[in-house]
C-alpha cells in the first residue's frame, strides 16, 4: 500500500507559528485546510460504506445457504457491520457540519 498522507500538510496558520501572514490570510489558509480535511473524510467515508455494504451483502448470501448455528453467527456479524455503518454515518454528519461552518 502506498504511503498516502491522510491530512493536507499543516500550514503555519494551523500550527500557530508566527508568520508573515496577516489574520485574514492565516484564517483563509486554515479554512482551506479544514475544507480539504472535510472532503477527505467524506471520500474515506464513501469507501468505508462500499466495504460495509459488500460485507453485509456477502453475510446475507452466506446466511441464506448455511445451517442454523453458523447462520446465527453470521447474523450477529451483520449486526456488527450495521453498527459500523451507523458510526460511519456519524462521521459523515460531522464532516458535513465542518463544511457548513466553513460555508463550503
PDB file of N, CA and C in Angstrom:
ATOM      1  N   UNK A   1       0.846  -1.173   0.000  1.00  0.00           N
ATOM      2  CA  UNK A   1       0.000   0.000   0.000  1.00  0.00           C
ATOM      3  C   UNK A   1       0.896   1.242   0.000  1.00  0.00           C
ATOM      4  N   UNK A   2       0.557   2.189  -0.839  1.00  0.00           N
ATOM      5  CA  UNK A   2       1.368   3.397  -0.898  1.00  0.00           C
ATOM      6  C   UNK A   2       1.133   4.242   0.343  1.00  0.00           C
ATOM      7  N   UNK A   3       2.144   4.958   0.706  1.00  0.00           N
ATOM      8  CA  UNK A   3       2.045   5.814   1.889  1.00  0.00           C
ATOM      9  C   UNK A   3       1.447   7.147   1.460  1.00  0.00           C
ATOM     10  N   UNK A   4       0.169   7.278   1.620  1.00  0.00           N
ATOM     11  CA  UNK A   4      -0.524   8.500   1.241  1.00  0.00           C
ATOM     12  C   UNK A   4      -0.791   9.317   2.490  1.00  0.00           C
ATOM     13  N   UNK A   5      -0.539  10.583   2.386  1.00  0.00           N
ATOM     14  CA  UNK A   5      -0.775  11.468   3.516  1.00  0.00           C
ATOM     15  C   UNK A   5      -2.274  11.619   3.723  1.00  0.00           C
ATOM     16  N   UNK A   6      -2.745  11.342   4.937  1.00  0.00           N
ATOM     17  CA  UNK A   6      -4.179  11.414   5.207  1.00  0.00           C
ATOM     18  C   UNK A   6      -4.696  12.837   5.296  1.00  0.00           C
ATOM     19  N   UNK A   7      -3.920  13.729   5.842  1.00  0.00           N
ATOM     20  CA  UNK A   7      -4.368  15.096   6.015  1.00  0.00           C
ATOM     21  C   UNK A   7      -3.484  16.014   5.188  1.00  0.00           C
ATOM     22  N   UNK A   8      -4.037  17.106   4.693  1.00  0.00           N
ATOM     23  CA  UNK A   8      -3.200  18.075   3.985  1.00  0.00           C
ATOM     24  C   UNK A   8      -2.117  18.603   4.918  1.00  0.00           C
ATOM     25  N   UNK A   9      -1.031  18.989   4.326  1.00  0.00           N
ATOM     26  CA  UNK A   9       0.079  19.492   5.127  1.00  0.00           C
ATOM     27  C   UNK A   9      -0.362  20.709   5.921  1.00  0.00           C
ATOM     28  N   UNK A  10       0.073  20.750   7.161  1.00  0.00           N
ATOM     29  CA  UNK A  10      -0.295  21.871   8.030  1.00  0.00           C
ATOM     30  C   UNK A  10       0.442  23.123   7.590  1.00  0.00           C
ATOM     31  N   UNK A  11      -0.260  24.221   7.688  1.00  0.00           N
ATOM     32  CA  UNK A  11       0.363  25.499   7.384  1.00  0.00           C
ATOM     33  C   UNK A  11       0.808  26.149   8.681  1.00  0.00           C
ATOM     34  N   UNK A  12       1.554  27.201   8.551  1.00  0.00           N
ATOM     35  CA  UNK A  12       1.964  27.941   9.745  1.00  0.00           C
ATOM     36  C   UNK A  12       0.740  28.463  10.481  1.00  0.00           C
ATOM     37  N   UNK A  13      -0.317  28.770   9.712  1.00  0.00           N
ATOM     38  CA  UNK A  13      -1.545  29.272  10.343  1.00  0.00           C
ATOM     39  C   UNK A  13      -2.169  28.199  11.225  1.00  0.00           C
ATOM     40  N   UNK A  14      -2.122  26.927  10.776  1.00  0.00           N
ATOM     41  CA  UNK A  14      -2.689  25.839  11.565  1.00  0.00           C
ATOM     42  C   UNK A  14      -1.875  25.564  12.814  1.00  0.00           C
ATOM     43  N   UNK A  15      -0.583  25.653  12.696  1.00  0.00           N
ATOM     44  CA  UNK A  15       0.266  25.252  13.810  1.00  0.00           C
ATOM     45  C   UNK A  15       0.453  26.355  14.836  1.00  0.00           C
ATOM     46  N   UNK A  16      -0.043  27.537  14.541  1.00  0.00           N
ATOM     47  CA  UNK A  16       0.044  28.625  15.499  1.00  0.00           C
ATOM     48  C   UNK A  16       1.396  29.330  15.500  1.00  0.00           C
ATOM     49  N   UNK A  17       2.249  28.988  14.543  1.00  0.00           N
ATOM     50  CA  UNK A  17       3.545  29.641  14.481  1.00  0.00           C
ATOM     51  C   UNK A  17       3.377  31.038  13.902  1.00  0.00           C
ATOM     52  N   UNK A  18       4.289  31.910  14.295  1.00  0.00           N
ATOM     53  CA  UNK A  18       4.245  33.259  13.753  1.00  0.00           C
ATOM     54  C   UNK A  18       4.730  33.219  12.316  1.00  0.00           C
ATOM     55  N   UNK A  19       4.096  33.984  11.488  1.00  0.00           N
ATOM     56  CA  UNK A  19       4.476  34.031  10.083  1.00  0.00           C
ATOM     57  C   UNK A  19       4.263  35.449   9.581  1.00  0.00           C
ATOM     58  N   UNK A  20       4.553  35.625   8.329  1.00  0.00           N
ATOM     59  CA  UNK A  20       4.349  36.928   7.716  1.00  0.00           C
ATOM     60  C   UNK A  20       2.904  37.140   7.306  1.00  0.00           C
ATOM     61  N   UNK A  21       2.040  36.178   7.610  1.00  0.00           N
ATOM     62  CA  UNK A  21       0.636  36.288   7.211  1.00  0.00           C
ATOM     63  C   UNK A  21      -0.132  37.173   8.174  1.00  0.00           C
ATOM     64  N   UNK A  22      -1.063  37.915   7.617  1.00  0.00           N
ATOM     65  CA  UNK A  22      -1.967  38.647   8.498  1.00  0.00           C
ATOM     66  C   UNK A  22      -3.095  37.702   8.919  1.00  0.00           C
ATOM     67  N   UNK A  23      -3.961  38.160   9.780  1.00  0.00           N
ATOM     68  CA  UNK A  23      -5.020  37.312  10.326  1.00  0.00           C
ATOM     69  C   UNK A  23      -5.900  36.743   9.213  1.00  0.00           C
ATOM     70  N   UNK A  24      -6.287  37.559   8.267  1.00  0.00           N
ATOM     71  CA  UNK A  24      -7.186  37.126   7.194  1.00  0.00           C
ATOM     72  C   UNK A  24      -6.535  36.035   6.346  1.00  0.00           C
ATOM     73  N   UNK A  25      -5.255  36.203   6.008  1.00  0.00           N
ATOM     74  CA  UNK A  25      -4.548  35.190   5.219  1.00  0.00           C
ATOM     75  C   UNK A  25      -4.409  33.887   5.994  1.00  0.00           C
ATOM     76  N   UNK A  26      -4.080  34.012   7.277  1.00  0.00           N
ATOM     77  CA  UNK A  26      -3.921  32.831   8.115  1.00  0.00           C
ATOM     78  C   UNK A  26      -5.245  32.080   8.245  1.00  0.00           C
ATOM     79  N   UNK A  27      -6.332  32.827   8.444  1.00  0.00           N
ATOM     80  CA  UNK A  27      -7.649  32.199   8.564  1.00  0.00           C
ATOM     81  C   UNK A  27      -8.040  31.540   7.253  1.00  0.00           C
ATOM     82  N   UNK A  28      -7.744  32.188   6.139  1.00  0.00           N
ATOM     83  CA  UNK A  28      -8.062  31.624   4.832  1.00  0.00           C
ATOM     84  C   UNK A  28      -7.301  30.316   4.602  1.00  0.00           C
ATOM     85  N   UNK A  29      -6.016  30.288   4.950  1.00  0.00           N
ATOM     86  CA  UNK A  29      -5.215  29.069   4.800  1.00  0.00           C
ATOM     87  C   UNK A  29      -5.755  27.968   5.703  1.00  0.00           C
ATOM     88  N   UNK A  30      -6.107  28.324   6.911  1.00  0.00           N
ATOM     89  CA  UNK A  30      -6.659  27.353   7.855  1.00  0.00           C
ATOM     90  C   UNK A  30      -7.998  26.809   7.352  1.00  0.00           C
ATOM     91  N   UNK A  31      -8.842  27.679   6.836  1.00  0.00           N
ATOM     92  CA  UNK A  31     -10.137  27.257   6.304  1.00  0.00           C
ATOM     93  C   UNK A  31      -9.967  26.320   5.106  1.00  0.00           C
ATOM     94  N   UNK A  32      -9.000  26.620   4.232  1.00  0.00           N
ATOM     95  CA  UNK A  32      -8.749  25.733   3.085  1.00  0.00           C
ATOM     96  C   UNK A  32      -8.333  24.342   3.566  1.00  0.00           C
ATOM     97  N   UNK A  33      -7.481  24.307   4.584  1.00  0.00           N
ATOM     98  CA  UNK A  33      -7.051  23.013   5.121  1.00  0.00           C
ATOM     99  C   UNK A  33      -8.213  22.270   5.764  1.00  0.00           C
ATOM    100  N   UNK A  34      -9.049  22.972   6.498  1.00  0.00           N
ATOM    101  CA  UNK A  34     -10.212  22.332   7.117  1.00  0.00           C
ATOM    102  C   UNK A  34     -11.163  21.799   6.051  1.00  0.00           C
ATOM    103  N   UNK A  35     -11.362  22.558   4.982  1.00  0.00           N
ATOM    104  CA  UNK A  35     -12.237  22.104   3.892  1.00  0.00           C
ATOM    105  C   UNK A  35     -11.641  20.867   3.215  1.00  0.00           C
ATOM    106  N   UNK A  36     -10.331  20.860   3.024  1.00  0.00           N
ATOM    107  CA  UNK A  36      -9.679  19.698   2.416  1.00  0.00           C
ATOM    108  C   UNK A  36      -9.820  18.476   3.309  1.00  0.00           C
ATOM    109  N   UNK A  37      -9.692  18.654   4.604  1.00  0.00           N
ATOM    110  CA  UNK A  37      -9.863  17.535   5.538  1.00  0.00           C
ATOM    111  C   UNK A  37     -11.300  17.016   5.505  1.00  0.00           C
ATOM    112  N   UNK A  38     -12.262  17.918   5.467  1.00  0.00           N
ATOM    113  CA  UNK A  38     -13.670  17.508   5.414  1.00  0.00           C
ATOM    114  C   UNK A  38     -13.942  16.716   4.138  1.00  0.00           C
ATOM    115  N   UNK A  39     -13.375  17.167   3.027  1.00  0.00           N
ATOM    116  CA  UNK A  39     -13.546  16.451   1.760  1.00  0.00           C
ATOM    117  C   UNK A  39     -12.923  15.067   1.846  1.00  0.00           C
ATOM    118  N   UNK A  40     -11.740  14.974   2.401  1.00  0.00           N
ATOM    119  CA  UNK A  40     -11.065  13.689   2.540  1.00  0.00           C
ATOM    120  C   UNK A  40     -11.868  12.754   3.440  1.00  0.00           C
ATOM    121  N   UNK A  41     -12.392  13.278   4.522  1.00  0.00           N
ATOM    122  CA  UNK A  41     -13.213  12.459   5.418  1.00  0.00           C
ATOM    123  C   UNK A  41     -14.432  11.931   4.674  1.00  0.00           C
ATOM    124  N   UNK A  42     -15.058  12.767   3.869  1.00  0.00           N
ATOM    125  CA  UNK A  42     -16.221  12.321   3.117  1.00  0.00           C
ATOM    126  C   UNK A  42     -15.851  11.246   2.095  1.00  0.00           C
ATOM    127  N   UNK A  43     -14.700  11.391   1.436  1.00  0.00           N
ATOM    128  CA  UNK A  43     -14.261  10.390   0.469  1.00  0.00           C
ATOM    129  C   UNK A  43     -13.964   9.061   1.147  1.00  0.00           C
ATOM    130  N   UNK A  44     -13.302   9.107   2.282  1.00  0.00           N
ATOM    131  CA  UNK A  44     -12.997   7.880   3.025  1.00  0.00           C
ATOM    132  C   UNK A  44     -14.288   7.237   3.508  1.00  0.00           C
ATOM    133  N   UNK A  45     -15.204   8.047   3.962  1.00  0.00           N
ATOM    134  CA  UNK A  45     -16.489   7.541   4.438  1.00  0.00           C
ATOM    135  C   UNK A  45     -17.220   6.797   3.330  1.00  0.00           C
ATOM    136  N   UNK A  46     -17.157   7.300   2.103  1.00  0.00           N
ATOM    137  CA  UNK A  46     -17.808   6.615   0.986  1.00  0.00           C
ATOM    138  C   UNK A  46     -17.151   5.260   0.715  1.00  0.00           C
ATOM    139  N   UNK A  47     -15.829   5.208   0.808  1.00  0.00           N
ATOM    140  CA  UNK A  47     -15.126   3.931   0.618  1.00  0.00           C
ATOM    141  C   UNK A  47     -15.492   2.942   1.728  1.00  0.00           C
ATOM    142  N   UNK A  48     -15.589   3.435   2.951  1.00  0.00           N
ATOM    143  CA  UNK A  48     -15.984   2.564   4.066  1.00  0.00           C
ATOM    144  C   UNK A  48     -17.408   2.052   3.848  1.00  0.00           C
ATOM    145  N   UNK A  49     -18.289   2.905   3.362  1.00  0.00           N
ATOM    146  CA  UNK A  49     -19.658   2.493   3.065  1.00  0.00           C
ATOM    147  C   UNK A  49     -19.666   1.360   2.053  1.00  0.00           C
ATOM    148  N   UNK A  50     -18.852   1.479   1.001  1.00  0.00           N
ATOM    149  CA  UNK A  50     -18.766   0.422  -0.010  1.00  0.00           C
ATOM    150  C   UNK A  50     -18.321  -0.898   0.613  1.00  0.00           C
ATOM    151  N   UNK A  51     -17.306  -0.844   1.474  1.00  0.00           N
ATOM    152  CA  UNK A  51     -16.793  -2.058   2.117  1.00  0.00           C
ATOM    153  C   UNK A  51     -17.865  -2.672   3.018  1.00  0.00           C
ATOM    154  N   UNK A  52     -18.507  -1.853   3.822  1.00  0.00           N
ATOM    155  CA  UNK A  52     -19.532  -2.371   4.738  1.00  0.00           C
ATOM    156  C   UNK A  52     -20.711  -2.961   3.978  1.00  0.00           C
ATOM    157  N   UNK A  53     -21.080  -2.340   2.867  1.00  0.00           N
ATOM    158  CA  UNK A  53     -22.181  -2.855   2.052  1.00  0.00           C
ATOM    159  C   UNK A  53     -21.818  -4.212   1.458  1.00  0.00           C
ATOM    160  N   UNK A  54     -20.592  -4.345   0.974  1.00  0.00           N
ATOM    161  CA  UNK A  54     -20.129  -5.616   0.417  1.00  0.00           C
ATOM    162  C   UNK A  54     -20.133  -6.708   1.481  1.00  0.00           C
ATOM    163  N   UNK A  55     -19.603  -6.394   2.652  1.00  0.00           N
ATOM    164  CA  UNK A  55     -19.565  -7.381   3.745  1.00  0.00           C
ATOM    165  C   UNK A  55     -20.980  -7.793   4.131  1.00  0.00           C
ATOM    166  N   UNK A  56     -21.847  -6.820   4.294  1.00  0.00           N
ATOM    167  CA  UNK A  56     -23.225  -7.114   4.691  1.00  0.00           C
ATOM    168  C   UNK A  56     -23.922  -7.985   3.650  1.00  0.00           C
ATOM    169  N   UNK A  57     -23.733  -7.671   2.386  1.00  0.00           N
ATOM    170  CA  UNK A  57     -24.347  -8.465   1.312  1.00  0.00           C
ATOM    171  C   UNK A  57     -23.846  -9.893   1.291  1.00  0.00           C
ATOM    172  N   UNK A  58     -22.549 -10.058   1.463  1.00  0.00           N
ATOM    173  CA  UNK A  58     -21.987 -11.423   1.480  1.00  0.00           C
ATOM    174  C   UNK A  58     -22.478 -12.212   2.692  1.00  0.00           C
ATOM    175  N   UNK A  59     -22.612 -11.532   3.823  1.00  0.00           N
ATOM    176  CA  UNK A  59     -23.139 -12.203   5.019  1.00  0.00           C
ATOM    177  C   UNK A  59     -24.563 -12.681   4.759  1.00  0.00           C
ATOM    178  N   UNK A  60     -25.374 -11.862   4.115  1.00  0.00           N
ATOM    179  CA  UNK A  60     -26.754 -12.260   3.822  1.00  0.00           C
ATOM    180  C   UNK A  60     -26.782 -13.474   2.908  1.00  0.00           C
ATOM    181  N   UNK A  61     -25.945 -13.464   1.879  1.00  0.00           N
ATOM    182  CA  UNK A  61     -25.893 -14.598   0.948  1.00  0.00           C
ATOM    183  C   UNK A  61     -25.460 -15.864   1.678  1.00  0.00           C
ATOM    184  N   UNK A  62     -24.402 -15.758   2.474  1.00  0.00           N
ATOM    185  CA  UNK A  62     -23.915 -16.929   3.213  1.00  0.00           C
ATOM    186  C   UNK A  62     -24.938 -17.433   4.224  1.00  0.00           C
ATOM    187  N   UNK A  63     -25.599 -16.511   4.917  1.00  0.00           N
ATOM    188  CA  UNK A  63     -26.552 -16.934   5.951  1.00  0.00           C
ATOM    189  C   UNK A  63     -27.759 -17.639   5.343  1.00  0.00           C
ATOM    190  N   UNK A  64     -28.102 -17.305   4.115  1.00  0.00           N
ATOM    191  CA  UNK A  64     -29.230 -17.966   3.459  1.00  0.00           C
ATOM    192  C   UNK A  64     -28.886 -19.403   3.070  1.00  0.00           C
ATOM    193  N   UNK A  65     -27.585 -19.690   2.926  1.00  0.00           N
ATOM    194  CA  UNK A  65     -27.154 -21.011   2.452  1.00  0.00           C
ATOM    195  C   UNK A  65     -26.477 -21.862   3.520  1.00  0.00           C
ATOM    196  N   UNK A  66     -26.589 -21.494   4.792  1.00  0.00           N
ATOM    197  CA  UNK A  66     -25.892 -22.255   5.837  1.00  0.00           C
ATOM    198  C   UNK A  66     -26.862 -22.795   6.869  1.00  0.00           C
ATOM    199  N   UNK A  67     -26.316 -23.649   7.717  1.00  0.00           N
ATOM    200  CA  UNK A  67     -27.123 -24.261   8.769  1.00  0.00           C
ATOM    201  C   UNK A  67     -27.332 -23.282   9.917  1.00  0.00           C
ATOM    202  N   UNK A  68     -28.192 -23.634  10.791  1.00  0.00           N
ATOM    203  CA  UNK A  68     -28.619 -22.759  11.875  1.00  0.00           C
ATOM    204  C   UNK A  68     -27.506 -22.183  12.752  1.00  0.00           C
ATOM    205  N   UNK A  69     -26.582 -23.001  13.326  1.00  0.00           N
ATOM    206  CA  UNK A  69     -25.569 -22.397  14.208  1.00  0.00           C
ATOM    207  C   UNK A  69     -24.692 -21.362  13.484  1.00  0.00           C
ATOM    208  N   UNK A  70     -24.279 -21.683  12.289  1.00  0.00           N
ATOM    209  CA  UNK A  70     -23.455 -20.734  11.526  1.00  0.00           C
ATOM    210  C   UNK A  70     -24.269 -19.514  11.116  1.00  0.00           C
ATOM    211  N   UNK A  71     -25.506 -19.741  10.832  1.00  0.00           N
ATOM    212  CA  UNK A  71     -26.371 -18.638  10.409  1.00  0.00           C
ATOM    213  C   UNK A  71     -26.509 -17.598  11.515  1.00  0.00           C
ATOM    214  N   UNK A  72     -26.668 -18.062  12.738  1.00  0.00           N
ATOM    215  CA  UNK A  72     -26.788 -17.145  13.871  1.00  0.00           C
ATOM    216  C   UNK A  72     -25.516 -16.305  14.022  1.00  0.00           C
ATOM    217  N   UNK A  73     -24.358 -16.943  13.848  1.00  0.00           N
ATOM    218  CA  UNK A  73     -23.088 -16.213  13.935  1.00  0.00           C
ATOM    219  C   UNK A  73     -22.973 -15.182  12.820  1.00  0.00           C
ATOM    220  N   UNK A  74     -23.376 -15.562  11.629  1.00  0.00           N
ATOM    221  CA  UNK A  74     -23.311 -14.629  10.501  1.00  0.00           C
ATOM    222  C   UNK A  74     -24.239 -13.436  10.725  1.00  0.00           C
ATOM    223  N   UNK A  75     -25.421 -13.700  11.251  1.00  0.00           N
ATOM    224  CA  UNK A  75     -26.354 -12.602  11.510  1.00  0.00           C
ATOM    225  C   UNK A  75     -25.839 -11.688  12.620  1.00  0.00           C
ATOM    226  N   UNK A  76     -25.126 -12.261  13.597  1.00  0.00           N
ATOM    227  CA  UNK A  76     -24.509 -11.436  14.640  1.00  0.00           C
ATOM    228  C   UNK A  76     -23.424 -10.549  14.029  1.00  0.00           C
ATOM    229  N   UNK A  77     -22.651 -11.119  13.104  1.00  0.00           N
ATOM    230  CA  UNK A  77     -21.633 -10.312  12.408  1.00  0.00           C
ATOM    231  C   UNK A  77     -22.285  -9.190  11.597  1.00  0.00           C
ATOM    232  N   UNK A  78     -23.402  -9.498  10.992  1.00  0.00           N
ATOM    233  CA  UNK A  78     -24.113  -8.468  10.212  1.00  0.00           C
ATOM    234  C   UNK A  78     -24.537  -7.313  11.107  1.00  0.00           C
ATOM    235  N   UNK A  79     -24.950  -7.612  12.334  1.00  0.00           N
ATOM    236  CA  UNK A  79     -25.322  -6.554  13.270  1.00  0.00           C
ATOM    237  C   UNK A  79     -24.119  -5.671  13.602  1.00  0.00           C
ATOM    238  N   UNK A  80     -22.943  -6.281  13.725  1.00  0.00           N
ATOM    239  CA  UNK A  80     -21.724  -5.504  13.977  1.00  0.00           C
ATOM    240  C   UNK A  80     -21.444  -4.584  12.789  1.00  0.00           C
ATOM    241  N   UNK A  81     -21.619  -5.106  11.588  1.00  0.00           N
ATOM    242  CA  UNK A  81     -21.415  -4.294  10.386  1.00  0.00           C
ATOM    243  C   UNK A  81     -22.405  -3.134  10.365  1.00  0.00           C
ATOM    244  N   UNK A  82     -23.639  -3.392  10.755  1.00  0.00           N
ATOM    245  CA  UNK A  82     -24.653  -2.335  10.770  1.00  0.00           C
ATOM    246  C   UNK A  82     -24.293  -1.241  11.779  1.00  0.00           C
ATOM    247  N   UNK A  83     -23.728  -1.628  12.930  1.00  0.00           N
ATOM    248  CA  UNK A  83     -23.274  -0.621  13.901  1.00  0.00           C
ATOM    249  C   UNK A  83     -22.125   0.194  13.309  1.00  0.00           C
ATOM    250  N   UNK A  84     -21.260  -0.475  12.570  1.00  0.00           N
ATOM    251  CA  UNK A  84     -20.178   0.243  11.881  1.00  0.00           C
ATOM    252  C   UNK A  84     -20.734   1.246  10.885  1.00  0.00           C
ATOM    253  N   UNK A  85     -21.794   0.867  10.187  1.00  0.00           N
ATOM    254  CA  UNK A  85     -22.427   1.769   9.227  1.00  0.00           C
ATOM    255  C   UNK A  85     -23.028   2.983   9.938  1.00  0.00           C
ATOM    256  N   UNK A  86     -23.592   2.761  11.118  1.00  0.00           N
ATOM    257  CA  UNK A  86     -24.143   3.881  11.895  1.00  0.00           C
ATOM    258  C   UNK A  86     -23.037   4.847  12.317  1.00  0.00           C
ATOM    259  N   UNK A  87     -21.913   4.304  12.769  1.00  0.00           N
ATOM    260  CA  UNK A  87     -20.782   5.165  13.138  1.00  0.00           C
ATOM    261  C   UNK A  87     -20.256   5.918  11.924  1.00  0.00           C
ATOM    262  N   UNK A  88     -20.221   5.238  10.800  1.00  0.00           N
ATOM    263  CA  UNK A  88     -19.770   5.865   9.561  1.00  0.00           C
ATOM    264  C   UNK A  88     -20.679   7.032   9.183  1.00  0.00           C
ATOM    265  N   UNK A  89     -21.962   6.866   9.417  1.00  0.00           N
ATOM    266  CA  UNK A  89     -22.914   7.942   9.136  1.00  0.00           C
ATOM    267  C   UNK A  89     -22.664   9.142  10.052  1.00  0.00           C
ATOM    268  N   UNK A  90     -22.304   8.872  11.301  1.00  0.00           N
ATOM    269  CA  UNK A  90     -21.992   9.973  12.228  1.00  0.00           C
ATOM    270  C   UNK A  90     -20.752  10.740  11.776  1.00  0.00           C
ATOM    271  N   UNK A  91     -19.766  10.021  11.258  1.00  0.00           N
ATOM    272  CA  UNK A  91     -18.565  10.671  10.725  1.00  0.00           C
ATOM    273  C   UNK A  91     -18.949  11.565   9.548  1.00  0.00           C
ATOM    274  N   UNK A  92     -19.823  11.062   8.692  1.00  0.00           N
ATOM    275  CA  UNK A  92     -20.281  11.842   7.542  1.00  0.00           C
ATOM    276  C   UNK A  92     -20.966  13.135   7.992  1.00  0.00           C
ATOM    277  N   UNK A  93     -21.827  13.028   9.009  1.00  0.00           N
ATOM    278  CA  UNK A  93     -22.514  14.225   9.506  1.00  0.00           C
ATOM    279  C   UNK A  93     -21.529  15.230  10.089  1.00  0.00           C
ATOM    280  N   UNK A  94     -20.515  14.742  10.787  1.00  0.00           N
ATOM    281  CA  UNK A  94     -19.501  15.638  11.354  1.00  0.00           C
ATOM    282  C   UNK A  94     -18.747  16.371  10.244  1.00  0.00           C
ATOM    283  N   UNK A  95     -18.417  15.669   9.176  1.00  0.00           N
ATOM    284  CA  UNK A  95     -17.729  16.306   8.049  1.00  0.00           C
ATOM    285  C   UNK A  95     -18.642  17.340   7.383  1.00  0.00           C
ATOM    286  N   UNK A  96     -19.920  17.014   7.268  1.00  0.00           N
ATOM    287  CA  UNK A  96     -20.869  17.975   6.699  1.00  0.00           C
ATOM    288  C   UNK A  96     -20.958  19.230   7.564  1.00  0.00           C
ATOM    289  N   UNK A  97     -20.990  19.058   8.869  1.00  0.00           N
ATOM    290  CA  UNK A  97     -21.053  20.210   9.764  1.00  0.00           C
ATOM    291  C   UNK A  97     -19.819  21.086   9.614  1.00  0.00           C
ATOM    292  N   UNK A  98     -18.671  20.457   9.445  1.00  0.00           N
ATOM    293  CA  UNK A  98     -17.432  21.222   9.214  1.00  0.00           C
ATOM    294  C   UNK A  98     -17.568  22.076   7.949  1.00  0.00           C
ATOM    295  N   UNK A  99     -18.062  21.451   6.900  1.00  0.00           N
ATOM    296  CA  UNK A  99     -18.216  22.177   5.634  1.00  0.00           C
ATOM    297  C   UNK A  99     -19.214  23.330   5.789  1.00  0.00           C
ATOM    298  N   UNK A 100     -20.295  23.084   6.518  1.00  0.00           N
ATOM    299  CA  UNK A 100     -21.294  24.143   6.731  1.00  0.00           C
ATOM    300  C   UNK A 100     -20.687  25.298   7.511  1.00  0.00           C
ATOM    301  N   UNK A 101     -19.874  24.986   8.524  1.00  0.00           N
ATOM    302  CA  UNK A 101     -19.233  26.041   9.304  1.00  0.00           C
ATOM    303  C   UNK A 101     -18.313  26.890   8.433  1.00  0.00           C
ATOM    304  N   UNK A 102     -17.697  26.252   7.452  1.00  0.00           N
ATOM    305  CA  UNK A 102     -16.787  26.962   6.556  1.00  0.00           C
ATOM    306  C   UNK A 102     -17.538  27.663   5.419  1.00  0.00           C
ATOM    307  N   UNK A 103     -18.818  27.313   5.257  1.00  0.00           N
ATOM    308  CA  UNK A 103     -19.592  27.912   4.172  1.00  0.00           C
ATOM    309  C   UNK A 103     -19.267  27.295   2.823  1.00  0.00           C
ATOM    310  N   UNK A 104     -18.774  26.032   2.846  1.00  0.00           N
ATOM    311  CA  UNK A 104     -18.432  25.337   1.593  1.00  0.00           C
ATOM    312  C   UNK A 104     -19.609  24.577   1.059  1.00  0.00           C
TER     313      UNK A 104
END
